[in-house]
Amino acid sequence: MRRIASFREFYPFYLDEHRHPVSRRLHFVGSCGVLVLLLVAVLTMNAWWLLVALACGYGCAWIGHFFFEKNRPATFTHPVYSFMGDWVMFKDILTGRIRL
């Protein structure tokens, strides 16, 4: 893979890695789960929910990659950009820019 110099350069690649609608749905569900679990962690003041949130988000996403996209998650090569891409794609789905 060529060197990625910016998130603006990375995001089209990220979207290309998420073409399968089930994979996008799993990412979206995982992100929703993360938000709910973060709220639970704050309300209960129990940090263990943060680990559950992490497992929920990455678990859903990786199922999408391994079983539907049949590709390797960008998290392994570009962890920061991939994390950013998850939330930008989440926003793009919410705003209708990307079809769920």
C-alpha atoms as a PDB file:
ATOM      1  CA  MET A   1       0.000   0.000   0.000  1.00  0.00           C
ATOM      2  CA  ARG A   2       1.290   3.459  -0.844  1.00  0.00           C
ATOM      3  CA  ARG A   3       2.019   5.999   1.854  1.00  0.00           C
ATOM      4  CA  ILE A   4      -1.027   8.019   2.940  1.00  0.00           C
ATOM      5  CA  ALA A   5      -0.134  11.602   3.835  1.00  0.00           C
ATOM      6  CA  SER A   6      -3.453  12.937   5.155  1.00  0.00           C
ATOM      7  CA  PHE A   7      -6.926  11.937   6.240  1.00  0.00           C
ATOM      8  CA  ARG A   8      -8.323  13.651   3.142  1.00  0.00           C
ATOM      9  CA  GLU A   9      -6.232  11.258   1.070  1.00  0.00           C
ATOM     10  CA  PHE A  10      -7.146   8.264   3.271  1.00  0.00           C
ATOM     11  CA  TYR A  11     -10.944   8.648   3.384  1.00  0.00           C
ATOM     12  CA  PRO A  12     -11.639   7.640  -0.272  1.00  0.00           C
ATOM     13  CA  PHE A  13      -9.535   4.511   0.337  1.00  0.00           C
ATOM     14  CA  TYR A  14     -11.479   3.899   3.559  1.00  0.00           C
ATOM     15  CA  LEU A  15     -14.817   4.141   1.738  1.00  0.00           C
ATOM     16  CA  ASP A  16     -13.561   1.781  -0.962  1.00  0.00           C
ATOM     17  CA  GLU A  17     -12.826  -0.763   1.780  1.00  0.00           C
ATOM     18  CA  HIS A  18     -16.470  -0.487   2.938  1.00  0.00           C
ATOM     19  CA  ARG A  19     -18.434  -1.141  -0.243  1.00  0.00           C
ATOM     20  CA  HIS A  20     -20.513  -4.036   1.065  1.00  0.00           C
ATOM     21  CA  PRO A  21     -23.772  -2.744   2.597  1.00  0.00           C
ATOM     22  CA  VAL A  22     -23.723  -5.327   5.418  1.00  0.00           C
ATOM     23  CA  SER A  23     -20.232  -4.213   6.381  1.00  0.00           C
ATOM     24  CA  ARG A  24     -21.359  -0.568   6.516  1.00  0.00           C
ATOM     25  CA  ARG A  25     -24.384  -1.575   8.588  1.00  0.00           C
ATOM     26  CA  LEU A  26     -22.195  -3.504  11.012  1.00  0.00           C
ATOM     27  CA  HIS A  27     -19.908  -0.479  11.367  1.00  0.00           C
ATOM     28  CA  PHE A  28     -22.928   1.740  11.998  1.00  0.00           C
ATOM     29  CA  VAL A  29     -24.422  -0.634  14.585  1.00  0.00           C
ATOM     30  CA  GLY A  30     -21.029  -0.957  16.267  1.00  0.00           C
ATOM     31  CA  SER A  31     -20.658   2.822  16.453  1.00  0.00           C
ATOM     32  CA  CYS A  32     -24.165   3.185  17.908  1.00  0.00           C
ATOM     33  CA  GLY A  33     -23.264   0.520  20.452  1.00  0.00           C
ATOM     34  CA  VAL A  34     -20.087   2.381  21.354  1.00  0.00           C
ATOM     35  CA  LEU A  35     -22.036   5.574  22.017  1.00  0.00           C
ATOM     36  CA  VAL A  36     -24.569   3.761  24.212  1.00  0.00           C
ATOM     37  CA  LEU A  37     -21.850   1.929  26.117  1.00  0.00           C
ATOM     38  CA  LEU A  38     -19.884   5.136  26.665  1.00  0.00           C
ATOM     39  CA  LEU A  39     -23.019   6.632  28.173  1.00  0.00           C
ATOM     40  CA  VAL A  40     -23.429   3.562  30.391  1.00  0.00           C
ATOM     41  CA  ALA A  41     -19.793   3.897  31.505  1.00  0.00           C
ATOM     42  CA  VAL A  42     -20.351   7.536  32.450  1.00  0.00           C
ATOM     43  CA  LEU A  43     -23.688   6.943  34.186  1.00  0.00           C
ATOM     44  CA  THR A  44     -22.456   3.950  36.183  1.00  0.00           C
ATOM     45  CA  MET A  45     -18.967   5.394  36.649  1.00  0.00           C
ATOM     46  CA  ASN A  46     -17.666   1.940  35.793  1.00  0.00           C
ATOM     47  CA  ALA A  47     -14.663   1.930  33.437  1.00  0.00           C
ATOM     48  CA  TRP A  48     -15.198  -1.725  32.508  1.00  0.00           C
ATOM     49  CA  TRP A  49     -17.924  -0.561  30.124  1.00  0.00           C
ATOM     50  CA  LEU A  50     -15.182   1.158  28.112  1.00  0.00           C
ATOM     51  CA  LEU A  51     -13.682  -2.243  27.324  1.00  0.00           C
ATOM     52  CA  VAL A  52     -17.113  -3.506  26.315  1.00  0.00           C
ATOM     53  CA  ALA A  53     -17.513  -0.442  24.077  1.00  0.00           C
ATOM     54  CA  LEU A  54     -14.154  -1.147  22.450  1.00  0.00           C
ATOM     55  CA  ALA A  55     -15.103  -4.798  21.850  1.00  0.00           C
ATOM     56  CA  CYS A  56     -18.489  -3.771  20.452  1.00  0.00           C
ATOM     57  CA  GLY A  57     -17.088  -1.236  17.997  1.00  0.00           C
ATOM     58  CA  TYR A  58     -14.165  -3.252  16.719  1.00  0.00           C
ATOM     59  CA  GLY A  59     -16.013  -6.569  16.914  1.00  0.00           C
ATOM     60  CA  CYS A  60     -18.819  -5.399  14.644  1.00  0.00           C
ATOM     61  CA  ALA A  61     -16.398  -3.722  12.244  1.00  0.00           C
ATOM     62  CA  TRP A  62     -14.054  -6.697  11.992  1.00  0.00           C
ATOM     63  CA  ILE A  63     -16.939  -9.108  11.386  1.00  0.00           C
ATOM     64  CA  GLY A  64     -17.873  -6.873   8.449  1.00  0.00           C
ATOM     65  CA  HIS A  65     -14.356  -6.975   7.063  1.00  0.00           C
ATOM     66  CA  PHE A  66     -13.570 -10.642   7.547  1.00  0.00           C
ATOM     67  CA  PHE A  67     -16.942 -12.106   6.502  1.00  0.00           C
ATOM     68  CA  PHE A  68     -18.415  -9.598   4.045  1.00  0.00           C
ATOM     69  CA  GLU A  69     -15.683  -7.358   2.621  1.00  0.00           C
ATOM     70  CA  LYS A  70     -13.115 -10.168   2.703  1.00  0.00           C
ATOM     71  CA  ASN A  71     -10.380  -7.640   3.373  1.00  0.00           C
ATOM     72  CA  ARG A  72      -8.069  -6.652   6.191  1.00  0.00           C
ATOM     73  CA  PRO A  73      -9.275  -3.761   8.383  1.00  0.00           C
ATOM     74  CA  ALA A  74      -7.364  -0.526   7.833  1.00  0.00           C
ATOM     75  CA  THR A  75      -7.039  -0.369  11.635  1.00  0.00           C
ATOM     76  CA  PHE A  76      -4.008  -2.637  11.330  1.00  0.00           C
ATOM     77  CA  THR A  77      -2.076  -0.268   9.054  1.00  0.00           C
ATOM     78  CA  HIS A  78      -3.627   3.158   9.744  1.00  0.00           C
ATOM     79  CA  PRO A  79      -5.171   3.022  13.238  1.00  0.00           C
ATOM     80  CA  VAL A  80      -5.724   6.769  13.738  1.00  0.00           C
ATOM     81  CA  TYR A  81      -7.081   7.466  10.256  1.00  0.00           C
ATOM     82  CA  SER A  82      -9.240   4.352  10.464  1.00  0.00           C
ATOM     83  CA  PHE A  83     -10.727   5.484  13.782  1.00  0.00           C
ATOM     84  CA  MET A  84     -11.422   8.890  12.267  1.00  0.00           C
ATOM     85  CA  GLY A  85     -12.888   7.241   9.173  1.00  0.00           C
ATOM     86  CA  ASP A  86     -15.326   5.219  11.288  1.00  0.00           C
ATOM     87  CA  TRP A  87     -16.797   8.377  12.779  1.00  0.00           C
ATOM     88  CA  VAL A  88     -16.831  10.349   9.524  1.00  0.00           C
ATOM     89  CA  MET A  89     -18.595   7.446   7.801  1.00  0.00           C
ATOM     90  CA  PHE A  90     -21.036   7.292  10.756  1.00  0.00           C
ATOM     91  CA  LYS A  91     -21.779  10.999  10.262  1.00  0.00           C
ATOM     92  CA  ASP A  92     -22.074  10.528   6.496  1.00  0.00           C
ATOM     93  CA  ILE A  93     -24.596   7.723   7.025  1.00  0.00           C
ATOM     94  CA  LEU A  94     -26.600   9.838   9.486  1.00  0.00           C
ATOM     95  CA  THR A  95     -26.688  12.769   7.063  1.00  0.00           C
ATOM     96  CA  GLY A  96     -27.621  10.576   4.082  1.00  0.00           C
ATOM     97  CA  ARG A  97     -24.384  11.149   2.191  1.00  0.00           C
ATOM     98  CA  ILE A  98     -23.736   7.387   2.319  1.00  0.00           C
ATOM     99  CA  ARG A  99     -26.522   4.826   1.983  1.00  0.00           C
ATOM    100  CA  LEU A 100     -26.897   2.343   4.759  1.00  0.00           C
END
